[in-house]
PDB file of N, CA and C in Angstrom:
ATOM      1  N   MET A   1      -3.055 -28.408  71.087  1.00  0.00           N
ATOM      2  CA  MET A   1      -2.354 -27.498  71.984  1.00  0.00           C
ATOM      3  C   MET A   1      -2.877 -26.332  72.308  1.00  0.00           C
ATOM      4  N   GLY A   2      -3.678 -25.936  71.386  1.00  0.00           N
ATOM      5  CA  GLY A   2      -4.355 -24.564  71.417  1.00  0.00           C
ATOM      6  C   GLY A   2      -6.059 -24.671  71.940  1.00  0.00           C
ATOM      7  N   ILE A   3      -6.644 -23.630  71.800  1.00  0.00           N
ATOM      8  CA  ILE A   3      -8.194 -23.589  72.025  1.00  0.00           C
ATOM      9  C   ILE A   3      -8.935 -23.299  70.875  1.00  0.00           C
ATOM     10  N   LEU A   4      -8.450 -23.153  69.820  1.00  0.00           N
ATOM     11  CA  LEU A   4      -9.217 -22.871  68.500  1.00  0.00           C
ATOM     12  C   LEU A   4     -10.429 -23.686  68.660  1.00  0.00           C
ATOM     13  N   ASP A   5     -10.532 -24.876  68.816  1.00  0.00           N
ATOM     14  CA  ASP A   5     -11.801 -25.795  68.847  1.00  0.00           C
ATOM     15  C   ASP A   5     -12.988 -25.120  69.662  1.00  0.00           C
ATOM     16  N   GLN A   6     -12.395 -24.308  70.476  1.00  0.00           N
ATOM     17  CA  GLN A   6     -13.264 -23.676  71.634  1.00  0.00           C
ATOM     18  C   GLN A   6     -13.883 -22.443  71.186  1.00  0.00           C
ATOM     19  N   VAL A   7     -13.260 -21.662  70.334  1.00  0.00           N
ATOM     20  CA  VAL A   7     -13.693 -20.663  69.843  1.00  0.00           C
ATOM     21  C   VAL A   7     -15.334 -20.530  68.982  1.00  0.00           C
ATOM     22  N   PRO A   8     -16.176 -20.049  69.688  1.00  0.00           N
ATOM     23  CA  PRO A   8     -17.455 -19.795  68.722  1.00  0.00           C
ATOM     24  C   PRO A   8     -17.348 -19.246  67.232  1.00  0.00           C
ATOM     25  N   ALA A   9     -18.349 -19.694  66.640  1.00  0.00           N
ATOM     26  CA  ALA A   9     -18.513 -19.287  65.046  1.00  0.00           C
ATOM     27  C   ALA A   9     -18.792 -17.931  64.885  1.00  0.00           C
ATOM     28  N   THR A  10     -19.943 -17.428  65.703  1.00  0.00           N
ATOM     29  CA  THR A  10     -20.507 -16.077  65.484  1.00  0.00           C
ATOM     30  C   THR A  10     -19.624 -15.030  66.018  1.00  0.00           C
ATOM     31  N   ASP A  11     -19.749 -13.741  65.559  1.00  0.00           N
ATOM     32  CA  ASP A  11     -18.967 -12.752  66.012  1.00  0.00           C
ATOM     33  C   ASP A  11     -19.449 -12.441  67.659  1.00  0.00           C
ATOM     34  N   ALA A  12     -21.016 -12.620  67.804  1.00  0.00           N
ATOM     35  CA  ALA A  12     -21.554 -12.257  68.947  1.00  0.00           C
ATOM     36  C   ALA A  12     -20.993 -13.408  69.986  1.00  0.00           C
ATOM     37  N   GLU A  13     -21.016 -14.456  69.696  1.00  0.00           N
ATOM     38  CA  GLU A  13     -20.711 -15.563  70.683  1.00  0.00           C
ATOM     39  C   GLU A  13     -19.533 -15.682  70.848  1.00  0.00           C
ATOM     40  N   ARG A  14     -18.289 -15.197  70.057  1.00  0.00           N
ATOM     41  CA  ARG A  14     -17.067 -14.840  69.968  1.00  0.00           C
ATOM     42  C   ARG A  14     -16.878 -13.879  71.149  1.00  0.00           C
ATOM     43  N   ARG A  15     -17.543 -12.791  70.927  1.00  0.00           N
ATOM     44  CA  ARG A  15     -17.366 -11.860  72.117  1.00  0.00           C
ATOM     45  C   ARG A  15     -17.664 -11.999  73.325  1.00  0.00           C
ATOM     46  N   ALA A  16     -18.925 -12.934  73.655  1.00  0.00           N
ATOM     47  CA  ALA A  16     -19.187 -13.142  74.826  1.00  0.00           C
ATOM     48  C   ALA A  16     -18.281 -14.342  75.380  1.00  0.00           C
ATOM     49  N   TRP A  17     -17.963 -15.227  74.487  1.00  0.00           N
ATOM     50  CA  TRP A  17     -16.757 -16.307  74.949  1.00  0.00           C
ATOM     51  C   TRP A  17     -15.604 -15.485  75.548  1.00  0.00           C
ATOM     52  N   LEU A  18     -15.015 -14.556  74.663  1.00  0.00           N
ATOM     53  CA  LEU A  18     -13.923 -13.913  75.243  1.00  0.00           C
ATOM     54  C   LEU A  18     -13.983 -13.288  76.406  1.00  0.00           C
ATOM     55  N   GLY A  19     -15.153 -12.536  76.610  1.00  0.00           N
ATOM     56  CA  GLY A  19     -15.379 -11.693  77.891  1.00  0.00           C
ATOM     57  C   GLY A  19     -15.250 -12.714  79.103  1.00  0.00           C
ATOM     58  N   LYS A  20     -16.171 -13.900  78.859  1.00  0.00           N
ATOM     59  CA  LYS A  20     -16.028 -14.845  80.085  1.00  0.00           C
ATOM     60  C   LYS A  20     -14.514 -15.421  80.210  1.00  0.00           C
ATOM     61  N   SER A  21     -13.901 -15.528  79.350  1.00  0.00           N
ATOM     62  CA  SER A  21     -12.734 -16.423  79.390  1.00  0.00           C
ATOM     63  C   SER A  21     -11.422 -15.425  80.104  1.00  0.00           C
ATOM     64  N   ARG A  22     -11.542 -14.189  79.696  1.00  0.00           N
ATOM     65  CA  ARG A  22     -10.524 -13.132  80.168  1.00  0.00           C
ATOM     66  C   ARG A  22     -10.953 -12.603  81.319  1.00  0.00           C
ATOM     67  N   MET A  23     -12.095 -12.475  81.718  1.00  0.00           N
ATOM     68  CA  MET A  23     -12.745 -12.213  83.049  1.00  0.00           C
ATOM     69  C   MET A  23     -11.906 -12.741  84.346  1.00  0.00           C
ATOM     70  N   ALA A  24     -11.761 -14.009  84.131  1.00  0.00           N
ATOM     71  CA  ALA A  24     -11.239 -14.774  85.160  1.00  0.00           C
ATOM     72  C   ALA A  24      -9.811 -14.601  85.493  1.00  0.00           C
ATOM     73  N   ARG A  25      -9.158 -14.291  84.244  1.00  0.00           N
ATOM     74  CA  ARG A  25      -7.760 -13.762  84.503  1.00  0.00           C
ATOM     75  C   ARG A  25      -7.374 -12.365  84.954  1.00  0.00           C
ATOM     76  N   SER A  26      -8.266 -11.591  84.911  1.00  0.00           N
ATOM     77  CA  SER A  26      -8.118 -10.142  85.378  1.00  0.00           C
ATOM     78  C   SER A  26      -8.669  -9.617  86.705  1.00  0.00           C
ATOM     79  N   ASP A  27      -8.967 -10.837  87.616  1.00  0.00           N
ATOM     80  CA  ASP A  27      -9.567 -10.447  88.719  1.00  0.00           C
ATOM     81  C   ASP A  27      -8.501  -9.874  89.632  1.00  0.00           C
ATOM     82  N   ALA A  28      -8.915  -8.652  90.229  1.00  0.00           N
ATOM     83  CA  ALA A  28      -8.179  -7.656  90.930  1.00  0.00           C
ATOM     84  C   ALA A  28      -7.802  -8.204  92.332  1.00  0.00           C
ATOM     85  N   GLU A  29      -8.401  -9.357  92.958  1.00  0.00           N
ATOM     86  CA  GLU A  29      -8.399  -9.539  94.302  1.00  0.00           C
ATOM     87  C   GLU A  29      -6.950  -9.766  94.547  1.00  0.00           C
ATOM     88  N   SER A  30      -6.356 -10.541  93.589  1.00  0.00           N
ATOM     89  CA  SER A  30      -4.723 -10.896  93.655  1.00  0.00           C
ATOM     90  C   SER A  30      -3.780  -9.972  93.807  1.00  0.00           C
ATOM     91  N   PHE A  31      -4.244  -8.626  93.475  1.00  0.00           N
ATOM     92  CA  PHE A  31      -3.503  -7.412  93.475  1.00  0.00           C
ATOM     93  C   PHE A  31      -3.998  -6.224  94.376  1.00  0.00           C
ATOM     94  N   ARG A  32      -4.866  -6.835  95.207  1.00  0.00           N
ATOM     95  CA  ARG A  32      -5.623  -5.598  95.957  1.00  0.00           C
ATOM     96  C   ARG A  32      -4.558  -4.776  97.178  1.00  0.00           C
ATOM     97  N   GLU A  33      -3.910  -5.412  97.492  1.00  0.00           N
ATOM     98  CA  GLU A  33      -2.618  -4.583  98.104  1.00  0.00           C
ATOM     99  C   GLU A  33      -2.067  -3.582  97.628  1.00  0.00           C
ATOM    100  N   LYS A  34      -1.648  -3.905  96.392  1.00  0.00           N
ATOM    101  CA  LYS A  34      -0.936  -3.037  95.269  1.00  0.00           C
ATOM    102  C   LYS A  34      -1.734  -1.878  94.936  1.00  0.00           C
ATOM    103  N   LEU A  35      -3.295  -2.360  94.589  1.00  0.00           N
ATOM    104  CA  LEU A  35      -4.147  -1.276  93.933  1.00  0.00           C
ATOM    105  C   LEU A  35      -4.353  -0.303  95.151  1.00  0.00           C
ATOM    106  N   ILE A  36      -4.485  -0.849  96.515  1.00  0.00           N
ATOM    107  CA  ILE A  36      -4.927   0.405  97.344  1.00  0.00           C
ATOM    108  C   ILE A  36      -3.651   1.120  97.746  1.00  0.00           C
ATOM    109  N   GLU A  37      -2.526   0.570  97.473  1.00  0.00           N
ATOM    110  CA  GLU A  37      -1.417   1.531  97.518  1.00  0.00           C
ATOM    111  C   GLU A  37      -1.416   2.437  96.521  1.00  0.00           C
ATOM    112  N   GLU A  38      -1.601   2.162  95.309  1.00  0.00           N
ATOM    113  CA  GLU A  38      -1.407   2.932  94.148  1.00  0.00           C
ATOM    114  C   GLU A  38      -2.610   3.922  94.199  1.00  0.00           C
ATOM    115  N   TYR A  39      -3.955   3.496  94.462  1.00  0.00           N
ATOM    116  CA  TYR A  39      -5.260   4.450  94.470  1.00  0.00           C
ATOM    117  C   TYR A  39      -5.768   4.871  95.448  1.00  0.00           C
ATOM    118  N   GLY A  40      -5.333   4.287  96.790  1.00  0.00           N
ATOM    119  CA  GLY A  40      -5.952   4.701  97.909  1.00  0.00           C
ATOM    120  C   GLY A  40      -7.016   3.873  98.384  1.00  0.00           C
ATOM    121  N   LYS A  41      -7.310   3.708  99.780  1.00  0.00           N
ATOM    122  CA  LYS A  41      -8.071   2.729 100.124  1.00  0.00           C
ATOM    123  C   LYS A  41      -9.429   2.613  99.763  1.00  0.00           C
ATOM    124  N   GLU A  42     -10.186   4.073  99.509  1.00  0.00           N
ATOM    125  CA  GLU A  42     -11.543   3.855  98.817  1.00  0.00           C
ATOM    126  C   GLU A  42     -11.512   3.387  97.328  1.00  0.00           C
ATOM    127  N   LYS A  43     -10.688   4.063  96.797  1.00  0.00           N
ATOM    128  CA  LYS A  43     -10.874   3.613  94.993  1.00  0.00           C
ATOM    129  C   LYS A  43     -10.209   2.022  95.029  1.00  0.00           C
ATOM    130  N   GLY A  44      -9.215   2.020  95.433  1.00  0.00           N
ATOM    131  CA  GLY A  44      -8.303   0.525  95.382  1.00  0.00           C
ATOM    132  C   GLY A  44      -9.246  -0.553  96.061  1.00  0.00           C
ATOM    133  N   SER A  45     -10.047  -0.380  96.962  1.00  0.00           N
ATOM    134  CA  SER A  45     -11.003  -1.298  97.340  1.00  0.00           C
ATOM    135  C   SER A  45     -12.069  -1.826  96.413  1.00  0.00           C
ATOM    136  N   LYS A  46     -12.565  -0.899  95.662  1.00  0.00           N
ATOM    137  CA  LYS A  46     -13.589  -1.094  94.779  1.00  0.00           C
ATOM    138  C   LYS A  46     -13.050  -1.716  93.256  1.00  0.00           C
ATOM    139  N   ILE A  47     -11.935  -1.715  92.805  1.00  0.00           N
ATOM    140  CA  ILE A  47     -11.652  -2.122  91.611  1.00  0.00           C
ATOM    141  C   ILE A  47     -11.968  -3.389  91.554  1.00  0.00           C
ATOM    142  N   LYS A  48     -12.645  -3.848  90.398  1.00  0.00           N
ATOM    143  CA  LYS A  48     -12.963  -5.337  90.351  1.00  0.00           C
ATOM    144  C   LYS A  48     -12.048  -5.920  89.429  1.00  0.00           C
ATOM    145  N   TYR A  49     -11.422  -5.496  88.233  1.00  0.00           N
ATOM    146  CA  TYR A  49     -10.598  -6.055  87.386  1.00  0.00           C
ATOM    147  C   TYR A  49      -9.482  -5.345  87.199  1.00  0.00           C
ATOM    148  N   CYS A  50      -8.220  -5.867  86.623  1.00  0.00           N
ATOM    149  CA  CYS A  50      -7.084  -4.900  86.510  1.00  0.00           C
ATOM    150  C   CYS A  50      -6.108  -5.781  85.712  1.00  0.00           C
ATOM    151  N   GLU A  51      -5.180  -5.274  85.154  1.00  0.00           N
ATOM    152  CA  GLU A  51      -4.284  -5.981  84.080  1.00  0.00           C
ATOM    153  C   GLU A  51      -3.055  -5.670  84.987  1.00  0.00           C
ATOM    154  N   ALA A  52      -2.091  -6.824  85.243  1.00  0.00           N
ATOM    155  CA  ALA A  52      -1.023  -6.585  85.969  1.00  0.00           C
ATOM    156  C   ALA A  52       0.222  -6.716  84.892  1.00  0.00           C
ATOM    157  N   PHE A  53       1.404  -6.114  85.440  1.00  0.00           N
ATOM    158  CA  PHE A  53       2.604  -6.419  84.626  1.00  0.00           C
ATOM    159  C   PHE A  53       3.583  -6.292  85.574  1.00  0.00           C
ATOM    160  N   GLN A  54       4.865  -6.889  84.888  1.00  0.00           N
ATOM    161  CA  GLN A  54       5.989  -7.102  85.544  1.00  0.00           C
ATOM    162  C   GLN A  54       7.237  -6.510  84.832  1.00  0.00           C
ATOM    163  N   ASP A  55       7.892  -5.823  85.457  1.00  0.00           N
ATOM    164  CA  ASP A  55       9.134  -5.471  84.729  1.00  0.00           C
ATOM    165  C   ASP A  55      10.331  -6.210  84.555  1.00  0.00           C
ATOM    166  N   SER A  56      11.002  -6.024  83.499  1.00  0.00           N
ATOM    167  CA  SER A  56      12.127  -6.817  83.263  1.00  0.00           C
ATOM    168  C   SER A  56      13.610  -6.835  84.054  1.00  0.00           C
ATOM    169  N   GLU A  57      13.931  -7.858  84.455  1.00  0.00           N
ATOM    170  CA  GLU A  57      15.143  -7.642  85.218  1.00  0.00           C
ATOM    171  C   GLU A  57      16.532  -7.234  84.324  1.00  0.00           C
ATOM    172  N   TYR A  58      16.167  -7.189  82.993  1.00  0.00           N
ATOM    173  CA  TYR A  58      17.298  -6.933  82.140  1.00  0.00           C
ATOM    174  C   TYR A  58      17.141  -5.316  81.822  1.00  0.00           C
ATOM    175  N   GLY A  59      16.055  -4.702  81.952  1.00  0.00           N
ATOM    176  CA  GLY A  59      15.916  -3.454  81.376  1.00  0.00           C
ATOM    177  C   GLY A  59      15.947  -2.396  82.538  1.00  0.00           C
ATOM    178  N   THR A  60      15.555  -1.409  82.415  1.00  0.00           N
ATOM    179  CA  THR A  60      15.507  -0.223  83.487  1.00  0.00           C
ATOM    180  C   THR A  60      14.261  -0.792  84.448  1.00  0.00           C
ATOM    181  N   ARG A  61      14.650  -0.503  85.785  1.00  0.00           N
ATOM    182  CA  ARG A  61      13.645  -0.974  86.519  1.00  0.00           C
ATOM    183  C   ARG A  61      12.563   0.043  86.768  1.00  0.00           C
ATOM    184  N   LEU A  62      11.444  -0.484  87.088  1.00  0.00           N
ATOM    185  CA  LEU A  62      10.424   0.671  87.281  1.00  0.00           C
ATOM    186  C   LEU A  62      10.395   1.249  88.629  1.00  0.00           C
ATOM    187  N   THR A  63      10.216   2.509  88.924  1.00  0.00           N
ATOM    188  CA  THR A  63      10.028   3.221  89.914  1.00  0.00           C
ATOM    189  C   THR A  63       8.841   4.124  89.974  1.00  0.00           C
ATOM    190  N   LYS A  64       8.617   4.646  91.371  1.00  0.00           N
ATOM    191  CA  LYS A  64       7.414   5.563  91.242  1.00  0.00           C
ATOM    192  C   LYS A  64       7.858   6.796  90.370  1.00  0.00           C
ATOM    193  N   GLN A  65       9.237   7.040  90.193  1.00  0.00           N
ATOM    194  CA  GLN A  65       9.407   8.353  89.389  1.00  0.00           C
ATOM    195  C   GLN A  65       9.404   8.231  87.843  1.00  0.00           C
ATOM    196  N   ASN A  66       9.604   7.005  87.499  1.00  0.00           N
ATOM    197  CA  ASN A  66       9.735   6.763  85.830  1.00  0.00           C
ATOM    198  C   ASN A  66       8.225   6.028  85.371  1.00  0.00           C
ATOM    199  N   MET A  67       7.642   5.462  86.483  1.00  0.00           N
ATOM    200  CA  MET A  67       6.425   4.987  85.826  1.00  0.00           C
ATOM    201  C   MET A  67       5.428   5.875  85.367  1.00  0.00           C
ATOM    202  N   GLU A  68       5.384   7.098  85.650  1.00  0.00           N
ATOM    203  CA  GLU A  68       4.783   8.015  84.994  1.00  0.00           C
ATOM    204  C   GLU A  68       5.131   8.320  83.391  1.00  0.00           C
ATOM    205  N   HIS A  69       6.552   8.155  83.336  1.00  0.00           N
ATOM    206  CA  HIS A  69       6.969   8.368  82.024  1.00  0.00           C
ATOM    207  C   HIS A  69       6.537   7.289  81.008  1.00  0.00           C
ATOM    208  N   TYR A  70       6.582   6.234  81.405  1.00  0.00           N
ATOM    209  CA  TYR A  70       6.053   4.552  80.824  1.00  0.00           C
ATOM    210  C   TYR A  70       4.724   4.678  80.524  1.00  0.00           C
ATOM    211  N   PHE A  71       3.768   4.824  81.606  1.00  0.00           N
ATOM    212  CA  PHE A  71       2.469   4.794  81.635  1.00  0.00           C
ATOM    213  C   PHE A  71       1.715   6.027  81.999  1.00  0.00           C
ATOM    214  N   PRO A  72       1.873   7.067  81.005  1.00  0.00           N
ATOM    215  CA  PRO A  72       1.295   8.320  81.299  1.00  0.00           C
ATOM    216  C   PRO A  72      -0.398   8.198  81.422  1.00  0.00           C
ATOM    217  N   PHE A  73      -0.920   7.108  81.123  1.00  0.00           N
ATOM    218  CA  PHE A  73      -2.335   6.970  81.116  1.00  0.00           C
ATOM    219  C   PHE A  73      -2.854   6.511  82.646  1.00  0.00           C
ATOM    220  N   LEU A  74      -1.935   6.076  83.264  1.00  0.00           N
ATOM    221  CA  LEU A  74      -2.274   5.747  84.885  1.00  0.00           C
ATOM    222  C   LEU A  74      -2.189   6.972  85.589  1.00  0.00           C
ATOM    223  N   LYS A  75      -3.437   7.029  86.312  1.00  0.00           N
ATOM    224  CA  LYS A  75      -3.632   8.110  87.086  1.00  0.00           C
ATOM    225  C   LYS A  75      -3.915   7.568  88.760  1.00  0.00           C
ATOM    226  N   THR A  76      -2.769   7.817  89.317  1.00  0.00           N
ATOM    227  CA  THR A  76      -3.074   7.338  90.762  1.00  0.00           C
ATOM    228  C   THR A  76      -3.559   8.388  91.701  1.00  0.00           C
ATOM    229  N   LYS A  77      -4.127   8.000  92.850  1.00  0.00           N
ATOM    230  CA  LYS A  77      -4.326   8.712  94.195  1.00  0.00           C
ATOM    231  C   LYS A  77      -4.837  10.172  93.360  1.00  0.00           C
TER     232      LYS A  77
END
């Protein structure tokens, strides 16, 4: 049920394999509209890869006001 049999033996091969396998999952095109909203048209249009997240319906909802508190490393516009 896993992919352990696909993991290369050497460190260099594993790094290359991991880069290729993760790259497809982080394609920014699926989130282009939100990236442009957050970073502006010029910067948001150029982003190639991103990591998306979804807040939990059971916790505090993310808002523009509290997002900076939870994700201080994100610098928008």
